[in-house]
Protein backbone atom coordinates (compact mmCIF):
# COMPACT_ATOMS: atom_id res chain seq x y z
CA MET A 1 94.68 96.63 68.04
CA PRO A 2 92.85 98.61 70.47
CA ASP A 3 94.62 100.81 72.92
CA GLN A 4 95.70 99.32 76.14
CA PRO A 5 94.27 101.22 79.29
CA ALA A 6 96.63 103.74 80.81
CA GLY A 7 98.22 103.15 83.98
CA PRO A 8 99.19 105.60 86.79
CA ASP A 9 100.27 108.99 85.42
CA PRO A 10 104.15 108.84 85.37
CA ALA A 11 104.26 112.42 86.21
CA GLN A 12 102.79 112.18 89.44
CA PRO A 13 104.14 110.39 92.67
CA PHE A 14 102.66 106.82 93.15
CA VAL A 15 102.25 104.81 96.19
CA LEU A 16 100.62 101.83 97.38
CA VAL A 17 97.70 101.75 100.06
CA ASP A 18 95.74 99.03 101.79
CA ASP A 19 92.29 100.49 100.91
CA LEU A 20 91.43 102.83 98.01
CA ALA A 21 88.32 103.80 99.55
CA ALA A 22 89.87 105.27 102.60
CA PRO A 23 93.61 105.82 101.41
CA MET A 24 96.21 106.14 104.39
CA LEU A 25 99.85 106.47 103.95
CA GLY A 26 102.28 104.33 105.97
CA ASP A 27 105.04 106.17 107.79
CA ALA A 28 107.80 105.27 105.59
CA ASP A 29 105.69 106.44 102.35
CA ARG A 30 104.89 109.53 104.19
CA HIS A 31 108.46 110.37 105.09
CA HIS A 32 109.65 109.63 101.57
CA LEU A 33 106.97 111.96 100.05
CA GLU A 34 107.47 114.90 102.54
CA ARG A 35 111.19 114.53 103.04
CA VAL A 36 112.60 113.08 99.67
CA ARG A 37 109.75 114.36 97.27
CA ARG A 38 109.21 117.41 98.99
CA LEU A 39 105.28 117.26 98.34
CA ARG A 40 103.33 119.87 100.00
CA ALA A 41 99.73 119.85 101.03
CA GLY A 42 97.53 119.87 97.99
CA ALA A 43 100.02 118.25 95.76
CA PRO A 44 98.43 115.74 93.39
CA LEU A 45 99.43 111.89 94.10
CA ILE A 46 98.40 108.63 92.67
CA VAL A 47 97.51 105.84 95.08
CA GLY A 48 97.05 102.08 94.10
CA ASP A 49 96.15 98.83 95.80
CA GLY A 50 98.84 96.74 93.97
CA ALA A 51 96.16 94.72 92.23
CA GLY A 52 95.57 96.80 89.18
CA SER A 53 93.45 99.64 90.57
CA PHE A 54 94.38 103.18 91.45
CA ARG A 55 92.86 106.74 91.94
CA ALA A 56 93.98 110.24 92.30
CA VAL A 57 94.24 111.94 95.61
CA THR A 58 95.52 115.23 96.87
CA PHE A 59 98.45 115.03 99.55
CA GLY A 60 98.09 116.52 102.94
CA PRO A 61 97.83 115.21 106.71
CA ALA A 62 94.91 113.35 105.36
CA LEU A 63 94.71 112.13 101.71
CA ALA A 64 91.57 113.91 99.90
CA ILE A 65 90.14 111.81 97.12
CA ALA A 66 90.35 113.76 93.77
CA GLY A 67 89.27 111.17 91.10
CA PRO A 68 87.36 107.66 90.87
CA VAL A 69 89.08 104.24 90.91
CA ARG A 70 90.42 103.14 87.57
CA SER A 71 91.78 99.76 86.77
CA VAL A 72 93.94 98.03 84.27
CA PRO A 73 94.01 94.20 83.83
CA ALA A 74 97.02 92.20 84.69
CA PRO A 75 99.19 91.32 81.68
CA THR A 76 99.14 87.85 80.42
CA PRO A 77 100.36 85.23 80.45
CA THR A 78 101.92 85.38 84.03
CA THR A 79 105.69 85.66 84.02
CA THR A 80 107.75 83.74 86.70
CA VAL A 81 111.37 83.81 87.54
CA GLY A 82 112.97 81.62 90.33
CA PHE A 83 116.51 82.48 91.55
CA ALA A 84 118.78 80.36 93.79
CA LEU A 85 119.85 82.20 96.95
CA THR A 86 123.00 83.95 96.57
CA LYS A 87 125.42 85.69 99.08
CA GLY A 88 125.13 89.32 100.47
CA ASP A 89 122.44 91.77 99.21
CA LYS A 90 122.29 90.29 95.52
CA PRO A 91 118.75 88.89 96.20
CA GLU A 92 117.48 92.27 97.14
CA LEU A 93 118.82 93.47 93.63
CA VAL A 94 117.25 90.71 91.80
CA VAL A 95 113.87 91.30 93.60
CA GLN A 96 114.03 95.33 92.95
CA LYS A 97 114.90 94.92 89.38
CA LEU A 98 112.38 91.98 88.29
CA THR A 99 109.70 94.12 89.89
CA GLU A 100 110.84 97.09 87.76
CA ILE A 101 111.01 94.90 84.74
CA GLY A 102 107.45 93.47 85.22
CA VAL A 103 107.84 89.94 86.26
CA ASP A 104 104.68 88.75 87.95
CA VAL A 105 105.92 85.84 90.36
CA ILE A 106 109.40 85.85 92.04
CA ILE A 107 110.52 82.59 93.64
CA PRO A 108 113.56 82.30 95.88
CA PHE A 109 114.81 78.74 96.30
CA VAL A 110 117.60 76.68 97.56
CA ALA A 111 119.61 74.76 95.00
CA GLU A 112 121.96 71.63 95.69
CA ARG A 113 125.10 74.13 95.26
CA SER A 114 123.48 77.06 96.96
CA ILE A 115 126.13 78.46 99.50
CA THR A 116 123.56 80.55 101.32
CA ARG A 117 121.23 78.64 103.47
CA TRP A 118 119.02 79.94 106.29
CA ASP A 119 116.82 78.66 108.94
CA GLY A 120 113.33 79.24 108.94
CA ALA A 121 113.19 82.41 110.96
CA LYS A 122 116.10 84.24 108.94
CA ALA A 123 114.36 83.13 105.57
CA ALA A 124 111.09 84.62 106.77
CA ARG A 125 112.81 87.83 107.67
CA ASN A 126 114.48 88.33 104.32
CA VAL A 127 111.24 87.33 102.31
CA GLU A 128 109.57 90.16 104.28
CA ARG A 129 112.54 92.41 103.39
CA TRP A 130 111.97 91.56 99.76
CA ARG A 131 108.36 91.96 99.72
CA THR A 132 108.98 95.54 101.14
CA ILE A 133 111.66 96.15 98.38
CA ALA A 134 108.90 94.83 95.75
CA ARG A 135 106.45 97.45 96.94
CA GLU A 136 108.81 100.32 96.99
CA ALA A 137 110.08 99.19 93.35
CA CYS A 138 106.32 98.91 92.20
CA ALA A 139 105.60 102.47 93.43
CA GLN A 140 108.89 104.03 91.89
CA SER A 141 108.23 102.18 88.63
CA HIS A 142 104.39 103.23 88.74
CA ARG A 143 103.52 99.45 88.29
CA PRO A 144 100.01 98.96 89.16
CA HIS A 145 100.42 95.29 89.91
CA LEU A 146 102.50 94.09 92.66
CA PRO A 147 104.47 90.87 91.95
CA LEU A 148 104.05 88.01 94.28
CA VAL A 149 107.34 87.22 96.22
CA HIS A 150 107.07 83.49 97.28
CA GLU A 151 108.54 82.13 100.40
CA VAL A 152 112.08 80.43 100.20
CA SER A 153 111.40 77.07 98.46
CA SER A 154 113.22 73.86 97.77
CA PHE A 155 114.45 73.10 94.24
CA ALA A 156 111.99 69.99 94.03
CA THR A 157 109.00 72.38 94.92
CA VAL A 158 109.79 74.77 92.03
CA ALA A 159 111.03 72.42 89.34
CA GLU A 160 107.94 71.14 87.87
CA GLY A 161 107.00 72.54 84.80
CA ALA A 162 109.88 75.02 84.77
CA VAL A 163 113.00 75.28 82.65
CA LEU A 164 116.58 75.78 83.68
CA ALA A 165 118.68 78.90 82.46
CA HIS A 166 121.77 77.28 81.11
CA TRP A 167 124.57 79.01 79.07
CA ALA A 168 125.65 75.95 77.28
CA ASP A 169 122.43 74.86 75.69
CA GLY A 170 118.66 75.66 75.29
CA GLY A 171 116.49 77.81 73.16
CA GLN A 172 117.28 81.37 72.70
CA ALA A 173 114.23 82.87 74.42
CA PRO A 174 111.65 81.33 76.79
CA PHE A 175 108.07 80.83 75.66
CA PRO A 176 105.46 83.06 77.05
CA GLY A 177 104.15 81.65 80.45
CA THR A 178 107.25 79.78 81.12
CA THR A 179 108.85 79.50 84.54
CA VAL A 180 112.57 80.27 84.05
CA LEU A 181 114.93 79.06 87.11
CA VAL A 182 118.36 80.51 87.59
CA GLY A 183 120.94 78.63 89.50
CA PRO A 184 123.30 79.57 92.13
CA GLU A 185 127.26 80.71 91.65
CA GLY A 186 128.42 77.15 91.50
CA GLY A 187 125.85 76.19 88.68
CA TRP A 188 123.28 73.24 88.42
CA SER A 189 124.12 70.02 89.86
CA ALA A 190 123.93 66.82 87.88
CA ALA A 191 120.73 65.66 89.57
CA GLU A 192 119.08 69.11 88.95
CA LEU A 193 120.08 68.89 85.21
CA ALA A 194 118.75 65.40 85.00
CA ALA A 195 115.53 66.44 86.86
CA VAL A 196 114.38 69.30 84.56
CA PRO A 197 115.05 68.52 80.77
CA GLY A 198 113.84 72.14 79.65
CA ARG A 199 116.65 74.55 79.07
CA VAL A 200 116.96 78.26 78.04
CA HIS A 201 119.92 79.84 76.65
CA LEU A 202 120.26 83.51 77.83
CA GLY A 203 123.15 84.64 75.71
CA PRO A 204 126.81 83.66 74.50
CA HIS A 205 128.48 84.48 77.78
CA VAL A 206 128.71 83.13 81.15
CA LEU A 207 126.59 85.43 83.27
CA ARG A 208 126.58 86.09 87.10
CA ALA A 209 123.61 84.59 88.82
CA GLU A 210 121.92 88.09 89.48
CA THR A 211 122.63 89.06 85.78
CA ALA A 212 120.86 85.91 84.53
CA ALA A 213 117.83 86.49 86.53
CA LEU A 214 117.39 89.89 85.05
CA VAL A 215 118.03 88.77 81.68
CA ALA A 216 115.48 85.92 82.09
CA GLY A 217 112.86 88.53 83.30
CA VAL A 218 113.45 90.79 80.37
CA ARG A 219 113.11 87.74 77.96
CA LEU A 220 110.02 86.61 79.45
CA VAL A 221 108.21 90.05 79.57
CA ALA A 222 109.31 90.80 76.18
CA SER A 223 107.87 87.63 75.02
CA ARG A 224 104.23 88.70 75.90
CA SER A 225 102.22 90.14 72.89
CA PRO A 226 101.81 93.97 73.43
């Protein structure tokens, strides 16, 4: 099998920018590089567009281009994990870790037994926060492709063609390209189980909702051919 195209050099800092032809750092990225990473003017840096392309630059008040644009194709098939909204900051953890794992599409949704329910404005604020977290995790993990974080959806919207993560039954691993849905703390309702016949079994133990989402992501990404 031919070698896969190399991604961004893991030995150099990596950040996402809006335009690779004229790359500019956002305030948060510049603060992180200057104050946390302690980069100095002239230090090497890799910038990416989140769509698989990246290039070398040198750090400074203005970024200086130091190499051509390179690209790597998106892995196939696309991997998708949907997770029912949970309490506290657990959704932030799920989005961060699914990004690092390599999941391509992340869908938060409201299940029948979801305790957490937001109005439209609060849902939009949280989605924007999760997208920022995904962007930061993408840079931290040197991932050239930024995952798509969907708006908060209904169960009916995400159920078609998906399988449900369920501890009691189902196959041991999801098929490549499968969308896996992870339920809330209270589990799936009878109506949801009846609506989606497909199941996937994630292990012998009862997992927390956020743990199940991460296990599903690992299984999906691992099921892709290298």
